[in-house]
Amino acid sequence: MALDLASISSFITIHLFTWYGAIILFALIYATVGKIKREIFIRKHGCKEAYVFPDGGPLGLVLAFILQKYKSDGTILDFALSLYEDYGKRTTFTAYLFGVRVVVSGEPENMKAVLATQFNDYSLGSRHAHFAPLLGDGIFTLDNEGWKESRQLLRPQFAREQISHVKMLEPHVQVLAEHIRKHKGQTFDIQELFFRLTVDASTEFLFGESVHSLYDESIGRKCDPEVAGFADAFNAAQVALGVRTYLQVMYFLYNPPSFWKNTRTVHNFARKFVDKALSLTPEQVEERTQKHGYTFLYELVKHTRDPKVLQDQLLNIMVAGRDTTAGLLSFTFFELARHPKVWNRLKDEIYHHFGSGEDSDVENISFETLKQCTYLKWVLNEILRLYPSVPVNFRVANKDTTLPVGGGPDGTSPVFIGKGTTFAYSPYMTHRLEKFYGKDSFEFVPERWENSPKLGWAYLPFNGGPRICLGQQFALTEASYVIVRLAQMFPNLSSSYNGPEPCRKLVHLTMSLMDGAEIQMS
C-alpha cells in the first residue's frame, strides 16, 4: 500500500512538473512569437522609440508619486510642459506608470491620428472603470455602440434653436449680480460664484427647474440645504475621479468612503428629477413642453424611459455643461482683470452692440447677435488656448498601431504603440508651443486671432474627430451672454491676484483655478 501511494505521488509529481513545464514553455513561445511579430511590425512601419522619461523609477512607481504630488500642488500641467524644455523641445516622450507604457504627446499630427484618422485603433480604456461610480454609462464613459447610441440620443438636444435660447440665463445672472454688489467693490472670488451660476443654469436646462444654489442668506434668499449638499458632493466626487484617472490601471486603490457617500448623494438628488419626469404620461410630457418650453430631461423621456439611462446621461452632460463653462468664465475674468486694455476694448465692443447700464438692450442679446462680437470671440479663443477645459486626455490602443511622428533623435519617425499602451495628449502643451503661436505663446493676447493662420489640430479646445464636443456652441453662447451682461452692469474690474506665476490649476475631469479668481468689480 505504501509502495502504491509512493508511486501515485511520484506519478502526480511528474505530471505536474510536465504540465507546469508545458505551460512555461507555451508562455515563452507565445511571448517570443509576440516579440517577433512586434519587431516585424516596428520595422515595417519604420518606428523608432520616443524619448524615454528617465526618472520614473521601477515600473513607473516614482512617476506615479510625482504625478500625484504635482497634481495636489496645482502644477502638474506646467511640470509636464517643463519636460518639453528640459528634454530638447520634444513634444512626444514615453514613460511607464505602474508597469504600463504611456506615450505622452502634444504633437498635433499625433492627436489627429488618435482622434480621427486612426480613431478605431484606440478606445477609452479603463475610463469607464474610473468614472462609472459617478457617471455610469454615458457619452463620456462608453466606447463603440454604447457611445454611438448615446451620441445619437444627445445630438438633437444641442440643436441650434436650443443654443439660441439664452433668455433663461437672465434670472440667474441677476442673482449673481446681487452677490457681486454685496461686496461693494471689495475683493471676492468670482470663480466660486460661477460654479454656482452654472449649476443653476444647467439644472434648469437639464432638469426643468433650477436648484438655485446661488440663493443664500447673504443676499436675503433662502437656501435649500439639500441643494448645497448636492453641489458640494458633486464637486468632491469629481476631484476623486481625477485622482483615480491619474492612477490609471491602479485606479481601484483610491476608494475612500467619502467618494461613495458623495456619489450616493449625487445619484439620489438626480433620481428625484428622473422619477418626477417618468411619473408623467407621454401626453403629459408633451403638454408640459408646450407650456414650459424645452427641457433636456423631458425630451430624453420621449426617447427612453429607462431611469438609469436618463440619470447617467444627465450627469454626463452636467459635468460638461457646468464645469467647462464655469472654468471658462473664471479664467476669462481672471485674465481680463489683469489686462485693463483688453477689458476696455471688450467693453467698447459690447456697449456698441448692446448698450450699457440702464441703456442695456438685453432683449437683443441672442446666439446670432453674440456672433457679431468679434473681439469677444477673440477673447474666448485666447482663454481656451491658454486654459483648455480638458487640458489632458487619454486613449488606449486596442491593437498594435502607430503614431505618425515623435520617434527617434529628431522626433520625426513613427512611434510604435502596442496594444494596451496608453496615449496621453495635452492641448495645454500644444497651445503654448512657440512654433504655432509665436514667441508670446505664454501671454494673453486676444489680438493674435485677428490674422491667425489655419491652426488645424494645433488648436483643440473642444477635442476633435468623431468625439468632438457636442455642446461647444452651447458653452460659448452661455459664456458670451454672461460676459456681456456683467460688462454692462459692472464696468470697473481689477485683479487682486498675488499668487505664483503661472497660476496654480485644479485638474480633475476639467480645469479651474486652484486658488480661485480674486477680483474687484463694481
Foldseek 3Di string as FASTA:
>chain_A
DVVVVVVVVVVVVVVVVVVVVVVVVVVVVVVVVVVVVLVVVCVVQVAFAFAEDDPLPVQSDNVLVVQVVCQVVLRNLVVVLVVCVVVPNFQWHWYGANNFIEIEGADLLLLCCCFAVVVVQWAQACLCVLCCLQQNQACVRDDDPSNVVRCVLCLVLQDPVNLFPQPVLVVLLVLLVLVQVLCVQAKDFCLVVLLQSQQQVLCCQALVHGQPPSADPSSPGDHDVLSVLLSVLLVVLLLLSQSLVSSPPVSVVRDDPSNNVSSVSNLVVLLVSLVVLLVDDLVVLVVCCVVRNHHNLSSSVVVDSDSVHSSSHSSVVSCVRRQLLSQLLQLLQLVCQAPVVLLVVQLVLLCVQANFDPRGNLVPQTLVSLVVSVLLVLSSLLSCLQFQFAFKGKIFGQAWDWGQFRRDPVTRGIHTHHHGHMYMYGSNSLSQDCVQQNPCSNDRDSCCVVDHDPRVSSRASQRDHPSGDSCPSSSSSNSSSSSSHLCRHWVDKHFPDDDDPPFRWNDGRTIHGPVGGIMGTD
